[in-house]
N, C-alpha and C. Protein backbone atom coordinates (compact mmCIF):
# COMPACT_ATOMS: atom_id res chain seq x y z
N MET A 1 94.58 30.03 131.67
CA MET A 1 95.27 30.02 132.95
C MET A 1 96.78 30.09 132.70
N ALA A 2 97.43 31.02 133.38
CA ALA A 2 98.87 31.22 133.17
C ALA A 2 99.67 30.06 133.74
N THR A 3 100.73 29.72 133.04
CA THR A 3 101.61 28.64 133.50
C THR A 3 102.54 29.19 134.58
N SER A 4 102.72 28.46 135.65
CA SER A 4 103.58 28.91 136.73
C SER A 4 105.04 28.83 136.33
N ALA A 5 105.89 29.57 137.06
CA ALA A 5 107.32 29.57 136.78
C ALA A 5 107.92 28.19 136.96
N ALA A 6 107.45 27.47 137.98
CA ALA A 6 107.97 26.13 138.24
C ALA A 6 107.64 25.18 137.09
N THR A 7 106.41 25.29 136.57
CA THR A 7 105.99 24.43 135.45
C THR A 7 106.79 24.73 134.20
N LEU A 8 107.00 26.02 133.92
CA LEU A 8 107.79 26.41 132.75
C LEU A 8 109.21 25.90 132.86
N GLN A 9 109.78 25.95 134.05
CA GLN A 9 111.14 25.47 134.25
C GLN A 9 111.22 23.97 133.97
N THR A 10 110.19 23.25 134.42
CA THR A 10 110.15 21.80 134.18
C THR A 10 110.05 21.49 132.70
N ILE A 11 109.26 22.30 131.99
CA ILE A 11 109.09 22.10 130.54
C ILE A 11 110.41 22.32 129.83
N ILE A 12 111.10 23.42 130.18
CA ILE A 12 112.38 23.73 129.53
C ILE A 12 113.42 22.65 129.82
N ASP A 13 113.46 22.18 131.07
CA ASP A 13 114.42 21.12 131.43
C ASP A 13 114.15 19.84 130.65
N THR A 14 112.86 19.49 130.53
CA THR A 14 112.47 18.26 129.82
C THR A 14 112.84 18.33 128.35
N LEU A 15 112.54 19.48 127.73
CA LEU A 15 112.83 19.66 126.31
C LEU A 15 114.33 19.70 126.05
N SER A 16 115.07 20.34 126.96
CA SER A 16 116.51 20.44 126.75
C SER A 16 117.18 19.07 126.80
N LYS A 17 116.67 18.20 127.66
CA LYS A 17 117.24 16.85 127.75
C LYS A 17 116.86 16.01 126.53
N LYS A 18 115.60 16.16 126.11
CA LYS A 18 115.11 15.36 124.99
C LYS A 18 115.74 15.77 123.67
N TYR A 19 115.84 17.10 123.46
CA TYR A 19 116.35 17.58 122.17
C TYR A 19 117.81 18.05 122.27
N LYS A 20 118.40 17.80 123.42
CA LYS A 20 119.82 18.05 123.63
C LYS A 20 120.23 19.50 123.31
N PHE A 21 119.63 20.46 124.00
CA PHE A 21 120.07 21.85 123.90
C PHE A 21 120.30 22.39 125.31
N ASN A 22 121.03 23.47 125.39
CA ASN A 22 121.37 24.07 126.68
C ASN A 22 120.17 24.80 127.26
N GLY A 23 119.70 24.30 128.41
CA GLY A 23 118.52 24.92 129.03
C GLY A 23 118.75 26.35 129.48
N ASP A 24 119.97 26.63 129.97
CA ASP A 24 120.27 28.00 130.42
C ASP A 24 120.26 28.98 129.26
N GLU A 25 120.79 28.52 128.11
CA GLU A 25 120.78 29.38 126.92
C GLU A 25 119.36 29.63 126.45
N ALA A 26 118.52 28.61 126.57
CA ALA A 26 117.13 28.75 126.17
C ALA A 26 116.43 29.79 127.04
N ILE A 27 116.73 29.76 128.35
CA ILE A 27 116.12 30.72 129.27
C ILE A 27 116.56 32.14 128.92
N LYS A 28 117.84 32.31 128.56
CA LYS A 28 118.33 33.63 128.20
C LYS A 28 117.64 34.17 126.95
N ILE A 29 117.44 33.24 125.99
CA ILE A 29 116.77 33.65 124.74
C ILE A 29 115.33 34.06 125.01
N LEU A 30 114.63 33.23 125.79
CA LEU A 30 113.22 33.54 126.12
C LEU A 30 113.13 34.82 126.95
N SER A 31 114.11 35.04 127.83
CA SER A 31 114.13 36.24 128.65
C SER A 31 114.33 37.49 127.81
N ALA A 32 115.24 37.39 126.82
CA ALA A 32 115.51 38.52 125.94
C ALA A 32 114.28 38.89 125.13
N ASP A 33 113.47 37.89 124.79
CA ASP A 33 112.24 38.14 124.03
C ASP A 33 111.05 38.44 124.94
N GLU A 34 111.33 38.57 126.27
CA GLU A 34 110.32 38.90 127.27
C GLU A 34 109.18 37.88 127.28
N LEU A 35 109.55 36.61 127.20
CA LEU A 35 108.57 35.53 127.21
C LEU A 35 108.55 34.77 128.53
N LEU A 36 109.31 35.25 129.50
CA LEU A 36 109.37 34.58 130.80
C LEU A 36 108.82 35.46 131.91
N PRO A 37 108.24 34.85 132.93
CA PRO A 37 107.82 35.63 134.10
C PRO A 37 109.06 36.14 134.85
N LYS A 38 108.88 37.21 135.64
CA LYS A 38 110.01 37.83 136.32
C LYS A 38 110.78 36.84 137.19
N LYS A 39 110.08 35.90 137.79
CA LYS A 39 110.74 34.96 138.69
C LYS A 39 111.76 34.09 137.98
N MET A 40 111.58 33.89 136.68
CA MET A 40 112.48 33.02 135.93
C MET A 40 113.60 33.77 135.21
N ILE A 41 113.53 35.09 135.23
CA ILE A 41 114.55 35.86 134.51
C ILE A 41 115.85 35.84 135.31
N PRO A 42 116.91 35.29 134.75
CA PRO A 42 118.19 35.25 135.46
C PRO A 42 118.71 36.65 135.71
N LYS A 43 119.36 36.85 136.84
CA LYS A 43 119.89 38.15 137.18
C LYS A 43 120.96 38.55 136.16
N GLY A 44 120.74 39.71 135.54
CA GLY A 44 121.69 40.21 134.55
C GLY A 44 121.51 39.60 133.18
N ALA A 45 120.46 38.81 132.99
CA ALA A 45 120.28 38.16 131.68
C ALA A 45 120.09 39.16 130.57
N ASN A 46 119.36 40.25 130.88
CA ASN A 46 119.10 41.25 129.85
C ASN A 46 119.95 42.50 130.02
N ASP A 47 120.98 42.37 130.83
CA ASP A 47 121.82 43.52 131.09
C ASP A 47 122.87 43.65 130.00
N ASP A 48 122.70 44.67 129.12
CA ASP A 48 123.67 44.88 128.04
C ASP A 48 124.65 45.99 128.39
N GLY A 49 124.66 46.39 129.65
CA GLY A 49 125.58 47.44 130.09
C GLY A 49 125.05 48.83 129.86
N ASN A 50 123.91 48.97 129.22
CA ASN A 50 123.32 50.27 128.95
C ASN A 50 122.18 50.52 129.92
N ILE A 51 122.27 51.60 130.69
CA ILE A 51 121.23 51.88 131.70
C ILE A 51 120.12 52.75 131.14
N TRP A 52 120.24 53.16 129.88
CA TRP A 52 119.27 54.10 129.31
C TRP A 52 118.22 53.38 128.46
N ALA A 53 116.97 53.81 128.66
CA ALA A 53 115.88 53.25 127.88
C ALA A 53 115.80 53.90 126.50
N SER A 54 116.35 55.11 126.38
CA SER A 54 116.33 55.81 125.10
C SER A 54 117.52 56.76 125.00
N LYS A 55 117.81 57.15 123.78
CA LYS A 55 118.92 58.08 123.54
C LYS A 55 118.60 59.45 124.12
N LYS A 56 117.34 59.86 124.07
CA LYS A 56 116.94 61.16 124.60
C LYS A 56 117.16 61.23 126.11
N ALA A 57 116.88 60.13 126.79
CA ALA A 57 117.09 60.10 128.25
C ALA A 57 118.57 60.26 128.56
N GLU A 58 119.41 59.59 127.79
CA GLU A 58 120.86 59.68 128.00
C GLU A 58 121.37 61.09 127.73
N GLU A 59 120.86 61.72 126.65
CA GLU A 59 121.32 63.06 126.28
C GLU A 59 120.89 64.10 127.30
N LEU A 60 119.67 63.97 127.82
CA LEU A 60 119.18 64.92 128.83
C LEU A 60 119.99 64.79 130.12
N ALA A 61 120.27 63.55 130.51
CA ALA A 61 121.06 63.33 131.72
C ALA A 61 122.47 63.88 131.56
N SER A 62 123.03 63.70 130.38
CA SER A 62 124.38 64.20 130.11
C SER A 62 124.41 65.72 130.11
N GLN A 63 123.36 66.35 129.58
CA GLN A 63 123.30 67.81 129.52
C GLN A 63 123.32 68.44 130.90
N TYR A 64 122.62 67.82 131.84
CA TYR A 64 122.54 68.37 133.20
C TYR A 64 123.43 67.62 134.18
N LYS A 65 124.36 66.81 133.64
CA LYS A 65 125.35 66.10 134.47
C LYS A 65 124.68 65.26 135.56
N ILE A 66 123.65 64.53 135.17
CA ILE A 66 122.94 63.66 136.11
C ILE A 66 123.49 62.25 136.00
N VAL A 67 123.87 61.69 137.14
CA VAL A 67 124.36 60.31 137.18
C VAL A 67 123.35 59.49 138.00
N PRO A 68 122.46 58.75 137.34
CA PRO A 68 121.42 58.00 138.05
C PRO A 68 122.01 56.88 138.92
N THR A 69 121.37 56.64 140.02
CA THR A 69 121.74 55.52 140.88
C THR A 69 120.52 54.64 141.10
N GLY A 70 120.73 53.35 141.17
CA GLY A 70 119.60 52.43 141.33
C GLY A 70 118.95 52.12 140.00
N ASP A 71 117.71 51.65 140.07
CA ASP A 71 116.98 51.27 138.85
C ASP A 71 116.01 52.35 138.43
N GLY A 72 115.83 52.45 137.11
CA GLY A 72 114.83 53.35 136.57
C GLY A 72 113.49 52.64 136.43
N SER A 73 112.52 53.30 135.85
CA SER A 73 111.18 52.73 135.74
C SER A 73 110.98 51.96 134.44
N GLY A 74 112.00 51.94 133.57
CA GLY A 74 111.88 51.24 132.30
C GLY A 74 112.09 49.74 132.45
N LYS A 75 112.02 49.05 131.34
CA LYS A 75 112.21 47.60 131.35
C LYS A 75 113.61 47.26 131.83
N ASN A 76 113.67 46.23 132.68
CA ASN A 76 114.95 45.79 133.23
C ASN A 76 115.66 46.89 134.02
N GLY A 77 114.87 47.81 134.58
CA GLY A 77 115.43 48.85 135.44
C GLY A 77 116.12 49.98 134.70
N LYS A 78 115.88 50.09 133.40
CA LYS A 78 116.54 51.15 132.64
C LYS A 78 115.88 52.50 132.90
N TRP A 79 116.70 53.56 132.73
CA TRP A 79 116.24 54.92 133.01
C TRP A 79 115.59 55.52 131.77
N THR A 80 114.36 56.00 131.97
CA THR A 80 113.61 56.59 130.86
C THR A 80 113.73 58.11 130.90
N LEU A 81 113.26 58.73 129.83
CA LEU A 81 113.25 60.19 129.76
C LEU A 81 112.42 60.79 130.90
N LYS A 82 111.32 60.13 131.22
CA LYS A 82 110.47 60.61 132.31
C LYS A 82 111.19 60.55 133.64
N ASP A 83 112.01 59.50 133.84
CA ASP A 83 112.78 59.39 135.09
C ASP A 83 113.73 60.58 135.25
N ILE A 84 114.41 60.94 134.17
CA ILE A 84 115.36 62.05 134.22
C ILE A 84 114.64 63.37 134.46
N GLU A 85 113.50 63.55 133.81
CA GLU A 85 112.73 64.79 134.00
C GLU A 85 112.26 64.94 135.44
N LYS A 86 111.91 63.81 136.07
CA LYS A 86 111.52 63.85 137.49
C LYS A 86 112.68 64.27 138.37
N LEU A 87 113.86 63.77 138.04
CA LEU A 87 115.05 64.15 138.82
C LEU A 87 115.34 65.65 138.69
N LEU A 88 115.11 66.20 137.51
CA LEU A 88 115.34 67.62 137.29
C LEU A 88 114.37 68.49 138.07
N GLU A 89 113.16 67.97 138.27
CA GLU A 89 112.15 68.73 139.00
C GLU A 89 112.43 68.78 140.50
N LYS A 90 113.16 67.81 141.00
CA LYS A 90 113.44 67.76 142.44
C LYS A 90 114.58 68.69 142.80
N PRO A 91 114.43 69.47 143.89
CA PRO A 91 115.56 70.28 144.36
C PRO A 91 116.65 69.38 144.90
N THR A 92 117.86 69.63 144.47
CA THR A 92 118.97 68.79 144.92
C THR A 92 119.97 69.60 145.73
N LYS A 93 120.51 68.97 146.74
CA LYS A 93 121.56 69.57 147.56
C LYS A 93 122.84 68.77 147.36
N SER A 94 123.73 69.32 146.57
CA SER A 94 124.96 68.61 146.29
C SER A 94 126.11 69.24 147.08
N LYS A 95 126.87 68.38 147.73
CA LYS A 95 128.01 68.84 148.51
C LYS A 95 129.22 68.93 147.59
N ILE A 96 129.83 70.12 147.55
CA ILE A 96 130.97 70.32 146.67
C ILE A 96 132.22 69.75 147.34
N ASN A 97 132.96 68.97 146.58
CA ASN A 97 134.20 68.38 147.07
C ASN A 97 135.32 69.40 146.86
N ILE A 98 135.57 70.22 147.88
CA ILE A 98 136.51 71.32 147.74
C ILE A 98 137.23 71.56 149.06
N SER A 99 138.48 72.00 148.97
CA SER A 99 139.24 72.30 150.17
C SER A 99 138.78 73.64 150.76
N PRO A 100 138.92 73.84 152.07
CA PRO A 100 138.46 75.09 152.71
C PRO A 100 139.10 76.34 152.10
N ASN A 101 140.41 76.30 151.85
CA ASN A 101 141.09 77.47 151.29
C ASN A 101 140.58 77.80 149.89
N ALA A 102 140.33 76.75 149.12
CA ALA A 102 139.82 76.96 147.76
C ALA A 102 138.41 77.55 147.80
N LEU A 103 137.60 77.08 148.75
CA LEU A 103 136.23 77.59 148.87
C LEU A 103 136.24 79.06 149.29
N ASN A 104 137.11 79.42 150.22
CA ASN A 104 137.19 80.81 150.67
C ASN A 104 137.58 81.74 149.52
N LEU A 105 138.55 81.31 148.73
CA LEU A 105 139.00 82.15 147.61
C LEU A 105 137.91 82.27 146.54
N ALA A 106 137.22 81.17 146.28
CA ALA A 106 136.15 81.20 145.28
C ALA A 106 135.04 82.15 145.71
N ASN A 107 134.68 82.10 147.00
CA ASN A 107 133.63 82.99 147.52
C ASN A 107 134.08 84.45 147.47
N GLU A 108 135.35 84.67 147.79
CA GLU A 108 135.88 86.04 147.80
C GLU A 108 135.86 86.66 146.40
N LYS A 109 136.16 85.84 145.40
CA LYS A 109 136.22 86.34 144.03
C LYS A 109 134.89 86.19 143.28
N GLY A 110 133.89 85.61 143.95
CA GLY A 110 132.60 85.43 143.30
C GLY A 110 132.63 84.44 142.16
N LEU A 111 133.48 83.43 142.28
CA LEU A 111 133.63 82.41 141.22
C LEU A 111 132.60 81.31 141.39
N SER A 112 131.87 81.02 140.33
CA SER A 112 130.89 79.93 140.36
C SER A 112 131.61 78.60 140.18
N LEU A 113 131.30 77.64 141.05
CA LEU A 113 131.94 76.33 140.98
C LEU A 113 131.03 75.28 140.37
N SER A 114 129.89 75.72 139.84
CA SER A 114 128.92 74.79 139.27
C SER A 114 129.52 74.04 138.08
N GLY A 115 129.47 72.71 138.15
CA GLY A 115 129.96 71.88 137.06
C GLY A 115 131.46 71.77 136.94
N LYS A 116 132.19 72.30 137.92
CA LYS A 116 133.65 72.25 137.86
C LYS A 116 134.19 71.05 138.63
N THR A 117 135.24 70.48 138.11
CA THR A 117 135.91 69.33 138.74
C THR A 117 137.37 69.68 138.96
N GLY A 118 137.85 69.44 140.18
CA GLY A 118 139.22 69.78 140.51
C GLY A 118 140.21 68.71 140.11
N THR A 119 141.47 68.99 140.39
CA THR A 119 142.54 68.06 140.04
C THR A 119 142.94 67.18 141.21
N GLY A 120 142.28 67.36 142.35
CA GLY A 120 142.58 66.54 143.51
C GLY A 120 141.95 65.16 143.43
N LYS A 121 142.11 64.40 144.49
CA LYS A 121 141.57 63.04 144.53
C LYS A 121 140.04 63.07 144.43
N ASP A 122 139.50 62.19 143.58
CA ASP A 122 138.05 62.10 143.36
C ASP A 122 137.47 63.42 142.87
N GLY A 123 138.29 64.20 142.13
CA GLY A 123 137.80 65.47 141.57
C GLY A 123 137.74 66.60 142.56
N ARG A 124 138.42 66.46 143.71
CA ARG A 124 138.41 67.49 144.74
C ARG A 124 139.01 68.79 144.19
N ILE A 125 138.33 69.89 144.44
CA ILE A 125 138.79 71.19 143.97
C ILE A 125 139.82 71.74 144.95
N LEU A 126 141.00 72.02 144.44
CA LEU A 126 142.09 72.52 145.27
C LEU A 126 142.28 74.02 145.06
N LEU A 127 143.09 74.61 145.93
CA LEU A 127 143.34 76.06 145.85
C LEU A 127 143.92 76.43 144.49
N LYS A 128 144.85 75.61 143.98
CA LYS A 128 145.48 75.93 142.69
C LYS A 128 144.46 75.88 141.55
N ASP A 129 143.44 75.02 141.69
CA ASP A 129 142.39 74.96 140.66
C ASP A 129 141.63 76.28 140.59
N VAL A 130 141.24 76.77 141.77
CA VAL A 130 140.49 78.04 141.83
C VAL A 130 141.34 79.19 141.30
N GLU A 131 142.63 79.21 141.66
CA GLU A 131 143.52 80.27 141.18
C GLU A 131 143.63 80.25 139.66
N ASN A 132 143.72 79.06 139.10
CA ASN A 132 143.82 78.94 137.63
C ASN A 132 142.54 79.39 136.96
N TRP A 133 141.39 79.03 137.54
CA TRP A 133 140.10 79.44 136.95
C TRP A 133 139.93 80.96 137.02
N ILE A 134 140.39 81.56 138.11
CA ILE A 134 140.29 83.01 138.25
C ILE A 134 141.15 83.70 137.20
N LYS A 135 142.37 83.18 137.00
CA LYS A 135 143.26 83.75 135.98
C LYS A 135 142.63 83.63 134.60
N SER A 136 142.03 82.48 134.35
CA SER A 136 141.39 82.24 133.05
C SER A 136 140.23 83.21 132.84
N ASP A 137 139.44 83.41 133.89
CA ASP A 137 138.31 84.34 133.79
C ASP A 137 138.80 85.77 133.57
N ASP A 138 139.90 86.13 134.24
CA ASP A 138 140.45 87.48 134.08
C ASP A 138 140.90 87.71 132.65
N ASN A 139 141.51 86.69 132.05
CA ASN A 139 141.98 86.82 130.67
C ASN A 139 140.83 86.91 129.69
N ASP A 140 139.74 86.19 129.99
CA ASP A 140 138.59 86.17 129.08
C ASP A 140 137.71 87.39 129.23
N GLU A 141 137.79 88.05 130.40
CA GLU A 141 136.83 89.11 130.68
C GLU A 141 137.51 90.43 131.02
N ASP A 142 138.66 90.69 130.37
CA ASP A 142 139.38 91.92 130.64
C ASP A 142 138.54 93.15 130.30
N ASP A 143 137.70 93.00 129.27
CA ASP A 143 136.92 94.14 128.80
C ASP A 143 135.58 94.27 129.51
N ASP A 144 135.24 93.36 130.37
CA ASP A 144 133.95 93.42 131.06
C ASP A 144 133.98 94.48 132.14
N LEU A 145 132.87 95.18 132.31
CA LEU A 145 132.77 96.21 133.34
C LEU A 145 132.54 95.57 134.69
N ASN A 146 133.22 96.12 135.69
CA ASN A 146 133.03 95.64 137.06
C ASN A 146 131.93 96.50 137.68
N ILE A 147 130.70 96.08 137.49
CA ILE A 147 129.56 96.89 137.89
C ILE A 147 128.48 95.99 138.48
N SER A 148 127.79 96.49 139.49
CA SER A 148 126.73 95.72 140.12
C SER A 148 125.50 95.68 139.22
N PRO A 149 124.67 94.65 139.33
CA PRO A 149 123.46 94.56 138.48
C PRO A 149 122.54 95.76 138.61
N ARG A 150 122.34 96.25 139.82
CA ARG A 150 121.44 97.41 140.02
C ARG A 150 122.02 98.66 139.38
N ALA A 151 123.34 98.80 139.49
CA ALA A 151 123.98 99.96 138.88
C ALA A 151 123.87 99.90 137.36
N LEU A 152 124.04 98.70 136.80
CA LEU A 152 123.94 98.53 135.35
C LEU A 152 122.53 98.83 134.86
N MET A 153 121.54 98.40 135.62
CA MET A 153 120.14 98.66 135.25
C MET A 153 119.86 100.17 135.25
N GLU A 154 120.35 100.86 136.27
CA GLU A 154 120.16 102.30 136.36
C GLU A 154 120.84 103.01 135.19
N ALA A 155 122.03 102.54 134.84
CA ALA A 155 122.78 103.15 133.75
C ALA A 155 122.05 102.96 132.42
N GLN A 156 121.52 101.77 132.20
CA GLN A 156 120.80 101.49 130.96
C GLN A 156 119.53 102.31 130.86
N GLN A 157 118.82 102.43 131.97
CA GLN A 157 117.57 103.22 131.98
C GLN A 157 117.85 104.70 131.74
N SER A 158 119.04 105.15 132.15
CA SER A 158 119.40 106.57 131.99
C SER A 158 120.10 106.84 130.67
N GLY A 159 120.29 105.80 129.87
CA GLY A 159 120.87 105.97 128.55
C GLY A 159 122.38 106.16 128.55
N LEU A 160 123.06 105.70 129.58
CA LEU A 160 124.51 105.82 129.63
C LEU A 160 125.15 104.77 128.71
N SER A 161 126.20 105.18 128.03
CA SER A 161 126.91 104.26 127.15
C SER A 161 128.03 103.57 127.91
N ASP A 162 128.64 102.55 127.26
CA ASP A 162 129.78 101.88 127.88
C ASP A 162 130.92 102.85 128.12
N GLY A 163 131.04 103.82 127.21
CA GLY A 163 132.09 104.83 127.37
C GLY A 163 131.87 105.67 128.62
N ASP A 164 130.59 106.00 128.88
CA ASP A 164 130.27 106.76 130.10
C ASP A 164 130.64 105.95 131.34
N LEU A 165 130.31 104.66 131.31
CA LEU A 165 130.55 103.81 132.48
C LEU A 165 132.03 103.63 132.76
N THR A 166 132.84 103.55 131.70
CA THR A 166 134.28 103.37 131.91
C THR A 166 134.92 104.60 132.54
N SER A 167 134.25 105.73 132.43
CA SER A 167 134.80 106.95 133.03
C SER A 167 134.41 107.12 134.49
N ILE A 168 133.56 106.21 134.99
CA ILE A 168 133.12 106.28 136.38
C ILE A 168 134.10 105.53 137.27
N ASN A 169 134.53 106.18 138.32
CA ASN A 169 135.40 105.53 139.30
C ASN A 169 134.54 104.85 140.36
N GLY A 170 134.48 103.54 140.32
CA GLY A 170 133.65 102.81 141.27
C GLY A 170 134.20 102.88 142.68
N THR A 171 133.31 102.94 143.64
CA THR A 171 133.72 103.01 145.05
C THR A 171 133.58 101.66 145.75
N GLY A 172 133.16 100.64 145.01
CA GLY A 172 133.01 99.31 145.59
C GLY A 172 134.34 98.57 145.63
N LYS A 173 134.27 97.32 146.05
CA LYS A 173 135.46 96.49 146.16
C LYS A 173 136.09 96.27 144.79
N ASP A 174 137.42 96.46 144.74
CA ASP A 174 138.17 96.31 143.48
C ASP A 174 137.67 97.26 142.41
N GLY A 175 137.18 98.45 142.84
CA GLY A 175 136.72 99.45 141.89
C GLY A 175 135.36 99.16 141.28
N ARG A 176 134.58 98.30 141.91
CA ARG A 176 133.26 97.93 141.40
C ARG A 176 132.33 99.15 141.40
N ILE A 177 131.66 99.38 140.29
CA ILE A 177 130.74 100.50 140.16
C ILE A 177 129.42 100.15 140.84
N LEU A 178 129.04 100.96 141.81
CA LEU A 178 127.81 100.71 142.56
C LEU A 178 126.70 101.63 142.08
N LEU A 179 125.50 101.37 142.56
CA LEU A 179 124.33 102.18 142.17
C LEU A 179 124.55 103.64 142.50
N GLU A 180 125.12 103.92 143.67
CA GLU A 180 125.34 105.30 144.10
C GLU A 180 126.32 106.01 143.17
N ASP A 181 127.31 105.27 142.67
CA ASP A 181 128.28 105.86 141.75
C ASP A 181 127.61 106.32 140.45
N VAL A 182 126.71 105.49 139.95
CA VAL A 182 126.01 105.82 138.71
C VAL A 182 125.11 107.04 138.92
N LYS A 183 124.41 107.07 140.06
CA LYS A 183 123.52 108.21 140.35
C LYS A 183 124.31 109.51 140.45
N LYS A 184 125.47 109.45 141.10
CA LYS A 184 126.30 110.65 141.23
C LYS A 184 126.79 111.12 139.86
N TYR A 185 127.15 110.17 139.00
CA TYR A 185 127.61 110.52 137.66
C TYR A 185 126.49 111.19 136.86
N ILE A 186 125.29 110.63 136.97
CA ILE A 186 124.14 111.20 136.24
C ILE A 186 123.86 112.61 136.74
N THR A 187 123.90 112.81 138.06
CA THR A 187 123.65 114.13 138.64
C THR A 187 124.69 115.14 138.18
N SER A 188 125.96 114.72 138.16
CA SER A 188 127.04 115.63 137.77
C SER A 188 126.94 116.02 136.30
N THR A 189 126.55 115.07 135.45
CA THR A 189 126.43 115.39 134.02
C THR A 189 125.24 116.32 133.78
N GLU A 190 124.16 116.12 134.53
CA GLU A 190 123.00 117.01 134.39
C GLU A 190 123.35 118.42 134.82
N THR A 191 124.16 118.54 135.88
CA THR A 191 124.59 119.86 136.36
C THR A 191 125.48 120.54 135.33
N ASP A 192 126.39 119.78 134.73
CA ASP A 192 127.28 120.32 133.71
C ASP A 192 126.48 120.80 132.50
N ASP A 193 125.48 120.00 132.10
CA ASP A 193 124.66 120.38 130.94
C ASP A 193 123.89 121.66 131.23
N SER A 194 123.39 121.78 132.48
CA SER A 194 122.63 122.97 132.87
C SER A 194 123.50 124.21 132.83
N GLU A 195 124.76 124.08 133.32
CA GLU A 195 125.68 125.21 133.32
C GLU A 195 126.04 125.62 131.90
N ASP A 196 126.20 124.61 131.03
CA ASP A 196 126.52 124.90 129.62
C ASP A 196 125.38 125.65 128.96
N ASP A 197 124.12 125.27 129.29
CA ASP A 197 122.96 125.94 128.70
C ASP A 197 122.89 127.40 129.16
N GLU A 198 123.17 127.63 130.46
CA GLU A 198 123.13 128.99 131.00
C GLU A 198 124.22 129.85 130.36
N SER A 199 125.40 129.26 130.20
CA SER A 199 126.50 130.00 129.59
C SER A 199 126.18 130.36 128.15
N SER A 200 125.57 129.40 127.45
CA SER A 200 125.21 129.65 126.05
C SER A 200 124.16 130.74 125.95
N SER A 201 123.23 130.76 126.89
CA SER A 201 122.16 131.76 126.90
C SER A 201 122.74 133.15 127.14
N GLU A 202 123.72 133.23 128.07
CA GLU A 202 124.35 134.52 128.35
C GLU A 202 125.11 135.03 127.15
N ASP A 203 125.78 134.14 126.42
CA ASP A 203 126.52 134.56 125.23
C ASP A 203 125.59 135.11 124.18
N GLU A 204 124.43 134.52 124.03
CA GLU A 204 123.46 134.99 123.03
C GLU A 204 122.93 136.36 123.41
N ASP A 205 122.72 136.58 124.72
CA ASP A 205 122.22 137.89 125.16
C ASP A 205 123.24 138.99 124.89
N ASP A 206 124.52 138.64 125.05
CA ASP A 206 125.57 139.63 124.80
C ASP A 206 125.62 140.02 123.33
N LYS A 207 125.30 139.09 122.45
CA LYS A 207 125.37 139.36 121.02
C LYS A 207 124.19 140.17 120.50
N LYS A 208 123.08 140.22 121.27
CA LYS A 208 121.88 140.95 120.82
C LYS A 208 122.14 142.46 120.85
N PRO A 209 121.71 143.22 119.84
CA PRO A 209 121.91 144.68 119.82
C PRO A 209 121.05 145.37 120.86
N ASP A 210 121.51 146.52 121.35
CA ASP A 210 120.77 147.28 122.36
C ASP A 210 119.73 148.13 121.63
N ARG A 211 118.51 147.67 121.61
CA ARG A 211 117.44 148.32 120.85
C ARG A 211 117.12 149.72 121.39
N LYS A 212 117.26 149.89 122.71
CA LYS A 212 116.96 151.19 123.31
C LYS A 212 117.90 152.26 122.81
N LYS A 213 119.21 151.93 122.70
CA LYS A 213 120.17 152.90 122.23
C LYS A 213 119.88 153.32 120.82
N LYS A 214 119.52 152.32 119.93
CA LYS A 214 119.21 152.64 118.54
C LYS A 214 118.01 153.56 118.45
N THR A 215 117.03 153.31 119.28
CA THR A 215 115.80 154.11 119.27
C THR A 215 116.12 155.56 119.67
N ASN A 216 116.98 155.76 120.63
CA ASN A 216 117.34 157.08 121.09
C ASN A 216 118.06 157.86 120.02
N LYS A 217 118.88 157.19 119.25
CA LYS A 217 119.64 157.86 118.19
C LYS A 217 118.71 158.40 117.13
N LYS A 218 117.65 157.65 116.81
CA LYS A 218 116.71 158.08 115.77
C LYS A 218 115.99 159.33 116.20
N LYS A 219 115.68 159.45 117.48
CA LYS A 219 115.00 160.65 117.98
C LYS A 219 115.90 161.86 117.85
């Protein structure tokens, strides 16, 4: 039969008085060794400031920038690897802390704000933050082609090289190469190749000797 929390408390109090030791310290020691029922565990007795049940749980949360709130399913409310994996499976709707002007500029330039923190209060993203990120991206991606995904797929399937693509004048925003631009380029190159073949064929015909004239001379 299990001893009740009240009985255990009486035992600890009696022993502490008889053998002159600190009863509260004894409870903390027994709590740390998980020898006490939940009712007797002092609040924060086992709290070492670490909310993670394992290093893997902490690393996974850090990788995906997850900040747990409340208690996990581990001992003393610690967060386990399974807890973090469950959070990853759930669709989350996070509100971005950003000023309206900064959001408009980011949307206009197609800048991803995922994982970014601004210089404003509480990490608020300001207009100057977005402008700096855009400049940084421009410097890092000067050589990248401004081309739509569908246009790039069509170009790759048609065997166009990067050199071919750089010669295409895009009709999209900021000179972006669109699917129609790639198709027109392919059509124009096919037409040019066809004309070159016809011209080459005509040149070869001109070089051929007139067999009829030679035959007449022999007669």
